[in-house]
């Protein structure tokens, strides 16, 4: 794997870990206790993270990194 492809794969792995962490948080009482506006902003954030992860995956499958 070329250096730029490895960098993209590492970025995707870190992002997927962050998605998992946020997803777990969103199933806690702490999340439920947040004001609705903050819950909504976290929903926007996790959707953007999923979109970013999909884009990185597509780039990786095409052999294109940074």
Protein backbone atom coordinates (compact mmCIF):
# COMPACT_ATOMS: atom_id res chain seq x y z
CA UNK A 1 0.00 0.00 0.00
CA UNK A 2 1.36 3.41 -0.93
CA UNK A 3 1.88 6.05 1.77
CA UNK A 4 -1.09 8.18 0.74
CA UNK A 5 -3.36 5.12 0.65
CA UNK A 6 -2.18 4.12 4.11
CA UNK A 7 -2.87 7.63 5.40
CA UNK A 8 -6.42 7.49 4.01
CA UNK A 9 -6.98 4.05 5.58
CA UNK A 10 -5.72 5.31 8.94
CA UNK A 11 -7.95 8.37 8.76
CA UNK A 12 -10.96 6.19 7.98
CA UNK A 13 -10.15 3.87 10.90
CA UNK A 14 -9.87 6.82 13.33
CA UNK A 15 -13.11 8.27 12.01
CA UNK A 16 -14.95 4.96 12.37
CA UNK A 17 -13.71 4.74 15.97
CA UNK A 18 -15.03 8.26 16.62
CA UNK A 19 -18.37 7.32 15.04
CA UNK A 20 -18.61 4.28 17.29
CA UNK A 21 -17.79 6.34 20.39
CA UNK A 22 -20.38 8.98 19.52
CA UNK A 23 -22.97 6.35 18.69
CA UNK A 24 -22.48 4.72 22.10
CA UNK A 25 -22.79 8.11 23.79
CA UNK A 26 -26.03 8.79 21.94
CA UNK A 27 -27.55 5.76 23.68
CA UNK A 28 -26.78 6.98 27.19
CA UNK A 29 -28.76 8.86 29.81
CA UNK A 30 -26.23 11.70 29.49
CA UNK A 31 -27.23 12.18 25.86
CA UNK A 32 -30.92 11.96 26.73
CA UNK A 33 -30.41 14.69 29.33
CA UNK A 34 -28.98 17.14 26.80
CA UNK A 35 -31.17 19.95 25.48
CA UNK A 36 -32.90 19.06 22.21
CA UNK A 37 -30.77 21.53 20.25
CA UNK A 38 -27.57 19.80 21.38
CA UNK A 39 -29.00 16.38 20.57
CA UNK A 40 -29.87 17.67 17.12
CA UNK A 41 -26.39 19.06 16.58
CA UNK A 42 -24.87 15.69 17.51
CA UNK A 43 -27.20 14.03 15.00
CA UNK A 44 -25.95 16.42 12.32
CA UNK A 45 -22.38 15.68 13.36
CA UNK A 46 -22.72 11.89 13.21
CA UNK A 47 -24.41 12.05 9.80
CA UNK A 48 -21.52 14.15 8.51
CA UNK A 49 -19.04 11.68 9.99
CA UNK A 50 -20.81 8.79 8.22
CA UNK A 51 -20.72 10.72 4.91
CA UNK A 52 -17.02 11.45 5.39
CA UNK A 53 -16.33 7.77 6.14
CA UNK A 54 -18.19 6.68 3.00
CA UNK A 55 -16.19 9.16 0.90
CA UNK A 56 -12.91 7.88 2.33
CA UNK A 57 -14.00 4.31 1.62
CA UNK A 58 -14.83 5.15 -1.97
CA UNK A 59 -11.50 6.91 -2.42
CA UNK A 60 -9.68 3.90 -0.96
CA UNK A 61 -11.49 1.48 -3.24
CA UNK A 62 -10.39 3.59 -6.21
CA UNK A 63 -6.77 3.60 -4.98
CA UNK A 64 -6.81 7.31 -4.37
CA UNK A 65 -5.56 8.78 -1.11
CA UNK A 66 -4.35 12.29 -0.41
